[in-house]
Amino acid sequence: LKILDQYILRRFLYNFFSSFFILIVIFIFQGIWLFIDDLAGKGLGIVIIGKFIFYFIPTLVDKVLPLTVLLSSILTFGTFAENYEFAAMKASGISLQRGMRSLIIF
């Protein structure tokens, strides 16, 4: 990989994992809110609620993953545009498709 590809991929992966974690937490809170009638007032221990969350997370991944990819790509390329890194790429003769190639492969 070239230096530019590594830079773009590194920024994307940082945004990807941070967005994934934030969206998982949001969806866990939503899931707890949906099942609050089943969980509240039953005298359940923290271990049981932890197991519920642990087994609930895999059902959220298929909902969160497309949102994470969209959000992290918007954040990554929005930051590039805000910091004029796209303008620098265009000025050096790199096309937009070439700039996004490393993410398309990912």
PDB file of N, CA and C in Angstrom:
ATOM      1  N   LEU A   1       0.829  -1.189   0.000  1.00  0.00           N
ATOM      2  CA  LEU A   1       0.000   0.000   0.000  1.00  0.00           C
ATOM      3  C   LEU A   1       0.870   1.247   0.000  1.00  0.00           C
ATOM      4  N   LYS A   2       0.388   2.228  -0.676  1.00  0.00           N
ATOM      5  CA  LYS A   2       1.100   3.499  -0.682  1.00  0.00           C
ATOM      6  C   LYS A   2       0.779   4.265   0.598  1.00  0.00           C
ATOM      7  N   ILE A   3       1.528   5.300   0.826  1.00  0.00           N
ATOM      8  CA  ILE A   3       1.368   6.094   2.048  1.00  0.00           C
ATOM      9  C   ILE A   3      -0.027   6.697   2.125  1.00  0.00           C
ATOM     10  N   LEU A   4      -0.529   7.175   1.004  1.00  0.00           N
ATOM     11  CA  LEU A   4      -1.864   7.772   0.995  1.00  0.00           C
ATOM     12  C   LEU A   4      -2.931   6.732   1.326  1.00  0.00           C
ATOM     13  N   ASP A   5      -2.805   5.530   0.760  1.00  0.00           N
ATOM     14  CA  ASP A   5      -3.766   4.473   1.061  1.00  0.00           C
ATOM     15  C   ASP A   5      -3.735   4.104   2.536  1.00  0.00           C
ATOM     16  N   GLN A   6      -2.541   4.031   3.105  1.00  0.00           N
ATOM     17  CA  GLN A   6      -2.427   3.708   4.521  1.00  0.00           C
ATOM     18  C   GLN A   6      -3.048   4.800   5.382  1.00  0.00           C
ATOM     19  N   TYR A   7      -2.839   6.040   5.002  1.00  0.00           N
ATOM     20  CA  TYR A   7      -3.404   7.159   5.760  1.00  0.00           C
ATOM     21  C   TYR A   7      -4.928   7.143   5.713  1.00  0.00           C
ATOM     22  N   ILE A   8      -5.487   6.957   4.527  1.00  0.00           N
ATOM     23  CA  ILE A   8      -6.939   6.925   4.380  1.00  0.00           C
ATOM     24  C   ILE A   8      -7.520   5.741   5.141  1.00  0.00           C
ATOM     25  N   LEU A   9      -6.902   4.586   5.027  1.00  0.00           N
ATOM     26  CA  LEU A   9      -7.395   3.396   5.716  1.00  0.00           C
ATOM     27  C   LEU A   9      -7.282   3.546   7.227  1.00  0.00           C
ATOM     28  N   ARG A  10      -6.214   4.144   7.713  1.00  0.00           N
ATOM     29  CA  ARG A  10      -6.046   4.343   9.151  1.00  0.00           C
ATOM     30  C   ARG A  10      -7.118   5.282   9.704  1.00  0.00           C
ATOM     31  N   ARG A  11      -7.387   6.379   8.990  1.00  0.00           N
ATOM     32  CA  ARG A  11      -8.428   7.318   9.436  1.00  0.00           C
ATOM     33  C   ARG A  11      -9.806   6.656   9.384  1.00  0.00           C
ATOM     34  N   PHE A  12     -10.049   5.855   8.326  1.00  0.00           N
ATOM     35  CA  PHE A  12     -11.334   5.176   8.206  1.00  0.00           C
ATOM     36  C   PHE A  12     -11.519   4.158   9.319  1.00  0.00           C
ATOM     37  N   LEU A  13     -10.491   3.370   9.617  1.00  0.00           N
ATOM     38  CA  LEU A  13     -10.617   2.358  10.662  1.00  0.00           C
ATOM     39  C   LEU A  13     -10.819   2.988  12.034  1.00  0.00           C
ATOM     40  N   TYR A  14     -10.163   4.111  12.293  1.00  0.00           N
ATOM     41  CA  TYR A  14     -10.391   4.819  13.555  1.00  0.00           C
ATOM     42  C   TYR A  14     -11.852   5.249  13.663  1.00  0.00           C
ATOM     43  N   ASN A  15     -12.370   5.862  12.606  1.00  0.00           N
ATOM     44  CA  ASN A  15     -13.776   6.276  12.605  1.00  0.00           C
ATOM     45  C   ASN A  15     -14.708   5.075  12.643  1.00  0.00           C
ATOM     46  N   PHE A  16     -14.320   3.983  11.985  1.00  0.00           N
ATOM     47  CA  PHE A  16     -15.151   2.785  11.940  1.00  0.00           C
ATOM     48  C   PHE A  16     -15.334   2.189  13.331  1.00  0.00           C
ATOM     49  N   PHE A  17     -14.236   1.971  14.038  1.00  0.00           N
ATOM     50  CA  PHE A  17     -14.352   1.323  15.346  1.00  0.00           C
ATOM     51  C   PHE A  17     -14.997   2.228  16.385  1.00  0.00           C
ATOM     52  N   SER A  18     -14.714   3.513  16.334  1.00  0.00           N
ATOM     53  CA  SER A  18     -15.371   4.415  17.278  1.00  0.00           C
ATOM     54  C   SER A  18     -16.868   4.531  16.977  1.00  0.00           C
ATOM     55  N   SER A  19     -17.246   4.610  15.711  1.00  0.00           N
ATOM     56  CA  SER A  19     -18.669   4.660  15.353  1.00  0.00           C
ATOM     57  C   SER A  19     -19.369   3.352  15.703  1.00  0.00           C
ATOM     58  N   PHE A  20     -18.684   2.228  15.482  1.00  0.00           N
ATOM     59  CA  PHE A  20     -19.267   0.926  15.805  1.00  0.00           C
ATOM     60  C   PHE A  20     -19.559   0.822  17.298  1.00  0.00           C
ATOM     61  N   PHE A  21     -18.605   1.226  18.120  1.00  0.00           N
ATOM     62  CA  PHE A  21     -18.803   1.163  19.565  1.00  0.00           C
ATOM     63  C   PHE A  21     -19.949   2.069  20.009  1.00  0.00           C
ATOM     64  N   ILE A  22     -19.987   3.289  19.497  1.00  0.00           N
ATOM     65  CA  ILE A  22     -21.040   4.232  19.883  1.00  0.00           C
ATOM     66  C   ILE A  22     -22.406   3.734  19.444  1.00  0.00           C
ATOM     67  N   LEU A  23     -22.511   3.223  18.221  1.00  0.00           N
ATOM     68  CA  LEU A  23     -23.803   2.732  17.740  1.00  0.00           C
ATOM     69  C   LEU A  23     -24.243   1.470  18.480  1.00  0.00           C
ATOM     70  N   ILE A  24     -23.304   0.600  18.838  1.00  0.00           N
ATOM     71  CA  ILE A  24     -23.656  -0.587  19.616  1.00  0.00           C
ATOM     72  C   ILE A  24     -24.226  -0.171  20.969  1.00  0.00           C
ATOM     73  N   VAL A  25     -23.602   0.805  21.617  1.00  0.00           N
ATOM     74  CA  VAL A  25     -24.099   1.278  22.911  1.00  0.00           C
ATOM     75  C   VAL A  25     -25.495   1.871  22.766  1.00  0.00           C
ATOM     76  N   ILE A  26     -25.715   2.650  21.729  1.00  0.00           N
ATOM     77  CA  ILE A  26     -27.039   3.239  21.501  1.00  0.00           C
ATOM     78  C   ILE A  26     -28.080   2.152  21.274  1.00  0.00           C
ATOM     79  N   PHE A  27     -27.751   1.154  20.459  1.00  0.00           N
ATOM     80  CA  PHE A  27     -28.706   0.085  20.188  1.00  0.00           C
ATOM     81  C   PHE A  27     -28.916  -0.815  21.406  1.00  0.00           C
ATOM     82  N   ILE A  28     -27.910  -0.979  22.254  1.00  0.00           N
ATOM     83  CA  ILE A  28     -28.097  -1.742  23.496  1.00  0.00           C
ATOM     84  C   ILE A  28     -29.084  -1.013  24.401  1.00  0.00           C
ATOM     85  N   PHE A  29     -28.915   0.302  24.531  1.00  0.00           N
ATOM     86  CA  PHE A  29     -29.858   1.069  25.346  1.00  0.00           C
ATOM     87  C   PHE A  29     -31.276   0.979  24.788  1.00  0.00           C
ATOM     88  N   GLN A  30     -31.397   0.995  23.481  1.00  0.00           N
ATOM     89  CA  GLN A  30     -32.714   0.855  22.879  1.00  0.00           C
ATOM     90  C   GLN A  30     -33.290  -0.529  23.159  1.00  0.00           C
ATOM     91  N   GLY A  31     -32.463  -1.566  23.093  1.00  0.00           N
ATOM     92  CA  GLY A  31     -32.919  -2.923  23.381  1.00  0.00           C
ATOM     93  C   GLY A  31     -33.319  -3.097  24.828  1.00  0.00           C
ATOM     94  N   ILE A  32     -32.552  -2.492  25.716  1.00  0.00           N
ATOM     95  CA  ILE A  32     -32.932  -2.549  27.132  1.00  0.00           C
ATOM     96  C   ILE A  32     -34.255  -1.825  27.345  1.00  0.00           C
ATOM     97  N   TRP A  33     -34.448  -0.708  26.660  1.00  0.00           N
ATOM     98  CA  TRP A  33     -35.701   0.027  26.777  1.00  0.00           C
ATOM     99  C   TRP A  33     -36.885  -0.804  26.259  1.00  0.00           C
ATOM    100  N   LEU A  34     -36.657  -1.581  25.200  1.00  0.00           N
ATOM    101  CA  LEU A  34     -37.735  -2.429  24.675  1.00  0.00           C
ATOM    102  C   LEU A  34     -38.088  -3.570  25.628  1.00  0.00           C
ATOM    103  N   PHE A  35     -37.081  -4.106  26.322  1.00  0.00           N
ATOM    104  CA  PHE A  35     -37.301  -5.244  27.217  1.00  0.00           C
ATOM    105  C   PHE A  35     -37.361  -4.835  28.684  1.00  0.00           C
ATOM    106  N   ILE A  36     -37.618  -3.575  28.968  1.00  0.00           N
ATOM    107  CA  ILE A  36     -37.620  -3.109  30.352  1.00  0.00           C
ATOM    108  C   ILE A  36     -38.739  -3.764  31.158  1.00  0.00           C
ATOM    109  N   ASP A  37     -39.862  -4.081  30.508  1.00  0.00           N
ATOM    110  CA  ASP A  37     -40.958  -4.743  31.219  1.00  0.00           C
ATOM    111  C   ASP A  37     -40.552  -6.136  31.687  1.00  0.00           C
ATOM    112  N   ASP A  38     -39.742  -6.817  30.891  1.00  0.00           N
ATOM    113  CA  ASP A  38     -39.305  -8.163  31.251  1.00  0.00           C
ATOM    114  C   ASP A  38     -38.154  -8.159  32.253  1.00  0.00           C
ATOM    115  N   LEU A  39     -37.410  -7.072  32.320  1.00  0.00           N
ATOM    116  CA  LEU A  39     -36.223  -7.025  33.171  1.00  0.00           C
ATOM    117  C   LEU A  39     -36.471  -6.354  34.520  1.00  0.00           C
ATOM    118  N   ALA A  40     -37.292  -5.335  34.538  1.00  0.00           N
ATOM    119  CA  ALA A  40     -37.473  -4.530  35.751  1.00  0.00           C
ATOM    120  C   ALA A  40     -38.410  -5.218  36.736  1.00  0.00           C
ATOM    121  N   GLY A  41     -38.072  -5.131  38.010  1.00  0.00           N
ATOM    122  CA  GLY A  41     -38.930  -5.631  39.066  1.00  0.00           C
ATOM    123  C   GLY A  41     -38.928  -7.130  39.235  1.00  0.00           C
ATOM    124  N   LYS A  42     -38.039  -7.827  38.599  1.00  0.00           N
ATOM    125  CA  LYS A  42     -38.000  -9.290  38.686  1.00  0.00           C
ATOM    126  C   LYS A  42     -36.930  -9.776  39.664  1.00  0.00           C
ATOM    127  N   GLY A  43     -36.139  -8.872  40.205  1.00  0.00           N
ATOM    128  CA  GLY A  43     -35.077  -9.264  41.119  1.00  0.00           C
ATOM    129  C   GLY A  43     -33.901  -9.917  40.417  1.00  0.00           C
ATOM    130  N   LEU A  44     -33.660  -9.561  39.171  1.00  0.00           N
ATOM    131  CA  LEU A  44     -32.555 -10.130  38.410  1.00  0.00           C
ATOM    132  C   LEU A  44     -31.234  -9.525  38.860  1.00  0.00           C
ATOM    133  N   GLY A  45     -30.216 -10.352  38.923  1.00  0.00           N
ATOM    134  CA  GLY A  45     -28.893  -9.879  39.289  1.00  0.00           C
ATOM    135  C   GLY A  45     -28.195  -9.222  38.122  1.00  0.00           C
ATOM    136  N   ILE A  46     -27.107  -8.555  38.437  1.00  0.00           N
ATOM    137  CA  ILE A  46     -26.342  -7.872  37.401  1.00  0.00           C
ATOM    138  C   ILE A  46     -25.720  -8.867  36.427  1.00  0.00           C
ATOM    139  N   VAL A  47     -25.437 -10.090  36.896  1.00  0.00           N
ATOM    140  CA  VAL A  47     -24.866 -11.119  36.028  1.00  0.00           C
ATOM    141  C   VAL A  47     -25.872 -11.544  34.959  1.00  0.00           C
ATOM    142  N   ILE A  48     -27.113 -11.696  35.341  1.00  0.00           N
ATOM    143  CA  ILE A  48     -28.162 -12.085  34.384  1.00  0.00           C
ATOM    144  C   ILE A  48     -28.376 -10.981  33.351  1.00  0.00           C
ATOM    145  N   ILE A  49     -28.394  -9.747  33.794  1.00  0.00           N
ATOM    146  CA  ILE A  49     -28.564  -8.626  32.855  1.00  0.00           C
ATOM    147  C   ILE A  49     -27.338  -8.511  31.951  1.00  0.00           C
ATOM    148  N   GLY A  50     -26.153  -8.766  32.489  1.00  0.00           N
ATOM    149  CA  GLY A  50     -24.936  -8.778  31.675  1.00  0.00           C
ATOM    150  C   GLY A  50     -24.975  -9.870  30.620  1.00  0.00           C
ATOM    151  N   LYS A  51     -25.477 -11.060  31.000  1.00  0.00           N
ATOM    152  CA  LYS A  51     -25.630 -12.140  30.014  1.00  0.00           C
ATOM    153  C   LYS A  51     -26.632 -11.761  28.938  1.00  0.00           C
ATOM    154  N   PHE A  52     -27.718 -11.100  29.347  1.00  0.00           N
ATOM    155  CA  PHE A  52     -28.714 -10.644  28.375  1.00  0.00           C
ATOM    156  C   PHE A  52     -28.070  -9.711  27.350  1.00  0.00           C
ATOM    157  N   ILE A  53     -27.281  -8.756  27.843  1.00  0.00           N
ATOM    158  CA  ILE A  53     -26.622  -7.818  26.939  1.00  0.00           C
ATOM    159  C   ILE A  53     -25.604  -8.544  26.061  1.00  0.00           C
ATOM    160  N   PHE A  54     -24.850  -9.488  26.656  1.00  0.00           N
ATOM    161  CA  PHE A  54     -23.843 -10.235  25.907  1.00  0.00           C
ATOM    162  C   PHE A  54     -24.477 -11.040  24.777  1.00  0.00           C
ATOM    163  N   TYR A  55     -25.611 -11.668  25.037  1.00  0.00           N
ATOM    164  CA  TYR A  55     -26.274 -12.457  24.005  1.00  0.00           C
ATOM    165  C   TYR A  55     -27.118 -11.604  23.061  1.00  0.00           C
ATOM    166  N   PHE A  56     -27.391 -10.371  23.446  1.00  0.00           N
ATOM    167  CA  PHE A  56     -28.176  -9.466  22.608  1.00  0.00           C
ATOM    168  C   PHE A  56     -27.297  -8.767  21.575  1.00  0.00           C
ATOM    169  N   ILE A  57     -26.001  -8.599  21.854  1.00  0.00           N
ATOM    170  CA  ILE A  57     -25.098  -7.872  20.960  1.00  0.00           C
ATOM    171  C   ILE A  57     -24.992  -8.517  19.573  1.00  0.00           C
ATOM    172  N   PRO A  58     -24.863  -9.857  19.442  1.00  0.00           N
ATOM    173  CA  PRO A  58     -24.764 -10.405  18.081  1.00  0.00           C
ATOM    174  C   PRO A  58     -25.980 -10.131  17.202  1.00  0.00           C
ATOM    175  N   THR A  59     -27.153  -9.970  17.796  1.00  0.00           N
ATOM    176  CA  THR A  59     -28.325  -9.641  16.979  1.00  0.00           C
ATOM    177  C   THR A  59     -28.285  -8.200  16.488  1.00  0.00           C
ATOM    178  N   LEU A  60     -27.476  -7.380  17.152  1.00  0.00           N
ATOM    179  CA  LEU A  60     -27.382  -5.974  16.753  1.00  0.00           C
ATOM    180  C   LEU A  60     -26.361  -5.729  15.656  1.00  0.00           C
ATOM    181  N   VAL A  61     -25.407  -6.637  15.494  1.00  0.00           N
ATOM    182  CA  VAL A  61     -24.309  -6.398  14.560  1.00  0.00           C
ATOM    183  C   VAL A  61     -24.813  -6.224  13.136  1.00  0.00           C
ATOM    184  N   ASP A  62     -25.788  -7.029  12.720  1.00  0.00           N
ATOM    185  CA  ASP A  62     -26.289  -6.899  11.341  1.00  0.00           C
ATOM    186  C   ASP A  62     -27.053  -5.600  11.123  1.00  0.00           C
ATOM    187  N   LYS A  63     -27.553  -4.991  12.190  1.00  0.00           N
ATOM    188  CA  LYS A  63     -28.219  -3.696  12.057  1.00  0.00           C
ATOM    189  C   LYS A  63     -27.213  -2.542  12.131  1.00  0.00           C
ATOM    190  N   VAL A  64     -26.180  -2.717  12.935  1.00  0.00           N
ATOM    191  CA  VAL A  64     -25.240  -1.634  13.193  1.00  0.00           C
ATOM    192  C   VAL A  64     -24.159  -1.531  12.120  1.00  0.00           C
ATOM    193  N   LEU A  65     -23.759  -2.648  11.543  1.00  0.00           N
ATOM    194  CA  LEU A  65     -22.629  -2.643  10.605  1.00  0.00           C
ATOM    195  C   LEU A  65     -22.850  -1.754   9.379  1.00  0.00           C
ATOM    196  N   PRO A  66     -24.006  -1.804   8.694  1.00  0.00           N
ATOM    197  CA  PRO A  66     -24.181  -0.876   7.559  1.00  0.00           C
ATOM    198  C   PRO A  66     -24.183   0.586   7.981  1.00  0.00           C
ATOM    199  N   LEU A  67     -24.790   0.872   9.131  1.00  0.00           N
ATOM    200  CA  LEU A  67     -24.774   2.248   9.625  1.00  0.00           C
ATOM    201  C   LEU A  67     -23.359   2.706   9.960  1.00  0.00           C
ATOM    202  N   THR A  68     -22.567   1.789  10.503  1.00  0.00           N
ATOM    203  CA  THR A  68     -21.194   2.117  10.861  1.00  0.00           C
ATOM    204  C   THR A  68     -20.355   2.425   9.630  1.00  0.00           C
ATOM    205  N   VAL A  69     -20.493   1.624   8.586  1.00  0.00           N
ATOM    206  CA  VAL A  69     -19.724   1.859   7.361  1.00  0.00           C
ATOM    207  C   VAL A  69     -20.116   3.199   6.744  1.00  0.00           C
ATOM    208  N   LEU A  70     -21.403   3.482   6.695  1.00  0.00           N
ATOM    209  CA  LEU A  70     -21.862   4.751   6.130  1.00  0.00           C
ATOM    210  C   LEU A  70     -21.368   5.927   6.957  1.00  0.00           C
ATOM    211  N   LEU A  71     -21.546   5.863   8.261  1.00  0.00           N
ATOM    212  CA  LEU A  71     -21.157   6.964   9.126  1.00  0.00           C
ATOM    213  C   LEU A  71     -19.649   7.186   9.127  1.00  0.00           C
ATOM    214  N   SER A  72     -18.880   6.112   9.171  1.00  0.00           N
ATOM    215  CA  SER A  72     -17.428   6.280   9.207  1.00  0.00           C
ATOM    216  C   SER A  72     -16.889   6.797   7.872  1.00  0.00           C
ATOM    217  N   SER A  73     -17.477   6.391   6.755  1.00  0.00           N
ATOM    218  CA  SER A  73     -17.010   6.934   5.473  1.00  0.00           C
ATOM    219  C   SER A  73     -17.385   8.406   5.335  1.00  0.00           C
ATOM    220  N   ILE A  74     -18.563   8.783   5.816  1.00  0.00           N
ATOM    221  CA  ILE A  74     -18.945  10.206   5.781  1.00  0.00           C
ATOM    222  C   ILE A  74     -18.026  11.015   6.679  1.00  0.00           C
ATOM    223  N   LEU A  75     -17.721  10.496   7.861  1.00  0.00           N
ATOM    224  CA  LEU A  75     -16.822  11.208   8.771  1.00  0.00           C
ATOM    225  C   LEU A  75     -15.417  11.329   8.189  1.00  0.00           C
ATOM    226  N   THR A  76     -14.927  10.248   7.603  1.00  0.00           N
ATOM    227  CA  THR A  76     -13.573  10.257   7.064  1.00  0.00           C
ATOM    228  C   THR A  76     -13.437  11.251   5.920  1.00  0.00           C
ATOM    229  N   PHE A  77     -14.307  11.148   4.932  1.00  0.00           N
ATOM    230  CA  PHE A  77     -14.178  12.020   3.774  1.00  0.00           C
ATOM    231  C   PHE A  77     -14.659  13.434   4.067  1.00  0.00           C
ATOM    232  N   GLY A  78     -15.539  13.596   5.035  1.00  0.00           N
ATOM    233  CA  GLY A  78     -15.909  14.938   5.475  1.00  0.00           C
ATOM    234  C   GLY A  78     -14.747  15.652   6.136  1.00  0.00           C
ATOM    235  N   THR A  79     -13.981  14.916   6.929  1.00  0.00           N
ATOM    236  CA  THR A  79     -12.796  15.493   7.550  1.00  0.00           C
ATOM    237  C   THR A  79     -11.741  15.836   6.498  1.00  0.00           C
ATOM    238  N   PHE A  80     -11.592  14.972   5.504  1.00  0.00           N
ATOM    239  CA  PHE A  80     -10.651  15.270   4.417  1.00  0.00           C
ATOM    240  C   PHE A  80     -11.054  16.543   3.684  1.00  0.00           C
ATOM    241  N   ALA A  81     -12.331  16.695   3.431  1.00  0.00           N
ATOM    242  CA  ALA A  81     -12.794  17.901   2.728  1.00  0.00           C
ATOM    243  C   ALA A  81     -12.637  19.139   3.607  1.00  0.00           C
ATOM    244  N   GLU A  82     -12.894  18.989   4.916  1.00  0.00           N
ATOM    245  CA  GLU A  82     -12.783  20.131   5.820  1.00  0.00           C
ATOM    246  C   GLU A  82     -11.337  20.602   5.967  1.00  0.00           C
ATOM    247  N   ASN A  83     -10.413  19.667   5.954  1.00  0.00           N
ATOM    248  CA  ASN A  83      -8.991  20.017   6.104  1.00  0.00           C
ATOM    249  C   ASN A  83      -8.291  20.231   4.769  1.00  0.00           C
ATOM    250  N   TYR A  84      -9.045  20.336   3.701  1.00  0.00           N
ATOM    251  CA  TYR A  84      -8.533  20.577   2.343  1.00  0.00           C
ATOM    252  C   TYR A  84      -7.576  19.480   1.880  1.00  0.00           C
ATOM    253  N   GLU A  85      -7.734  18.279   2.411  1.00  0.00           N
ATOM    254  CA  GLU A  85      -6.897  17.178   1.958  1.00  0.00           C
ATOM    255  C   GLU A  85      -7.364  16.670   0.597  1.00  0.00           C
ATOM    256  N   PHE A  86      -8.664  16.777   0.312  1.00  0.00           N
ATOM    257  CA  PHE A  86      -9.152  16.449  -1.028  1.00  0.00           C
ATOM    258  C   PHE A  86      -8.574  17.410  -2.057  1.00  0.00           C
ATOM    259  N   ALA A  87      -8.515  18.685  -1.711  1.00  0.00           N
ATOM    260  CA  ALA A  87      -7.940  19.669  -2.639  1.00  0.00           C
ATOM    261  C   ALA A  87      -6.467  19.365  -2.899  1.00  0.00           C
ATOM    262  N   ALA A  88      -5.760  18.934  -1.872  1.00  0.00           N
ATOM    263  CA  ALA A  88      -4.351  18.583  -2.054  1.00  0.00           C
ATOM    264  C   ALA A  88      -4.213  17.346  -2.936  1.00  0.00           C
ATOM    265  N   MET A  89      -5.126  16.380  -2.766  1.00  0.00           N
ATOM    266  CA  MET A  89      -5.086  15.189  -3.625  1.00  0.00           C
ATOM    267  C   MET A  89      -5.370  15.561  -5.078  1.00  0.00           C
ATOM    268  N   LYS A  90      -6.382  16.401  -5.285  1.00  0.00           N
ATOM    269  CA  LYS A  90      -6.709  16.821  -6.650  1.00  0.00           C
ATOM    270  C   LYS A  90      -5.571  17.634  -7.261  1.00  0.00           C
ATOM    271  N   ALA A  91      -4.924  18.472  -6.455  1.00  0.00           N
ATOM    272  CA  ALA A  91      -3.821  19.283  -6.965  1.00  0.00           C
ATOM    273  C   ALA A  91      -2.610  18.429  -7.338  1.00  0.00           C
ATOM    274  N   SER A  92      -2.448  17.307  -6.665  1.00  0.00           N
ATOM    275  CA  SER A  92      -1.315  16.436  -6.987  1.00  0.00           C
ATOM    276  C   SER A  92      -1.663  15.434  -8.074  1.00  0.00           C
ATOM    277  N   GLY A  93      -2.879  15.502  -8.611  1.00  0.00           N
ATOM    278  CA  GLY A  93      -3.243  14.666  -9.746  1.00  0.00           C
ATOM    279  C   GLY A  93      -3.895  13.344  -9.371  1.00  0.00           C
ATOM    280  N   ILE A  94      -4.345  13.191  -8.141  1.00  0.00           N
ATOM    281  CA  ILE A  94      -4.994  11.953  -7.709  1.00  0.00           C
ATOM    282  C   ILE A  94      -6.496  12.127  -7.863  1.00  0.00           C
ATOM    283  N   SER A  95      -7.128  11.214  -8.573  1.00  0.00           N
ATOM    284  CA  SER A  95      -8.567  11.309  -8.793  1.00  0.00           C
ATOM    285  C   SER A  95      -9.324  10.867  -7.544  1.00  0.00           C
ATOM    286  N   LEU A  96     -10.597  11.181  -7.524  1.00  0.00           N
ATOM    287  CA  LEU A  96     -11.443  10.797  -6.394  1.00  0.00           C
ATOM    288  C   LEU A  96     -11.573   9.281  -6.296  1.00  0.00           C
ATOM    289  N   GLN A  97     -11.695   8.621  -7.442  1.00  0.00           N
ATOM    290  CA  GLN A  97     -11.779   7.154  -7.443  1.00  0.00           C
ATOM    291  C   GLN A  97     -10.503   6.534  -6.915  1.00  0.00           C
ATOM    292  N   ARG A  98      -9.367   7.103  -7.245  1.00  0.00           N
ATOM    293  CA  ARG A  98      -8.090   6.587  -6.753  1.00  0.00           C
ATOM    294  C   ARG A  98      -7.974   6.801  -5.243  1.00  0.00           C
ATOM    295  N   GLY A  99      -8.497   7.917  -4.757  1.00  0.00           N
ATOM    296  CA  GLY A  99      -8.467   8.193  -3.321  1.00  0.00           C
ATOM    297  C   GLY A  99      -9.341   7.254  -2.527  1.00  0.00           C
ATOM    298  N   MET A 100     -10.442   6.818  -3.132  1.00  0.00           N
ATOM    299  CA  MET A 100     -11.373   5.917  -2.426  1.00  0.00           C
ATOM    300  C   MET A 100     -11.094   4.448  -2.682  1.00  0.00           C
ATOM    301  N   ARG A 101     -10.102   4.145  -3.472  1.00  0.00           N
ATOM    302  CA  ARG A 101      -9.826   2.751  -3.833  1.00  0.00           C
ATOM    303  C   ARG A 101      -9.494   1.877  -2.622  1.00  0.00           C
ATOM    304  N   SER A 102      -8.755   2.404  -1.681  1.00  0.00           N
ATOM    305  CA  SER A 102      -8.383   1.589  -0.528  1.00  0.00           C
ATOM    306  C   SER A 102      -9.600   1.223   0.317  1.00  0.00           C
ATOM    307  N   LEU A 103     -10.597   2.102   0.359  1.00  0.00           N
ATOM    308  CA  LEU A 103     -11.807   1.784   1.122  1.00  0.00           C
ATOM    309  C   LEU A 103     -12.724   0.844   0.369  1.00  0.00           C
ATOM    310  N   ILE A 104     -12.732   0.920  -0.930  1.00  0.00           N
ATOM    311  CA  ILE A 104     -13.554   0.006  -1.711  1.00  0.00           C
ATOM    312  C   ILE A 104     -13.035  -1.405  -1.565  1.00  0.00           C
ATOM    313  N   ILE A 105     -11.714  -1.573  -1.517  1.00  0.00           N
ATOM    314  CA  ILE A 105     -11.121  -2.882  -1.308  1.00  0.00           C
ATOM    315  C   ILE A 105     -11.437  -3.397   0.083  1.00  0.00           C
ATOM    316  N   PHE A 106     -11.456  -2.485   1.068  1.00  0.00           N
ATOM    317  CA  PHE A 106     -11.761  -2.870   2.437  1.00  0.00           C
ATOM    318  C   PHE A 106     -13.194  -3.346   2.519  1.00  0.00           C
TER     319      PHE A 106
END
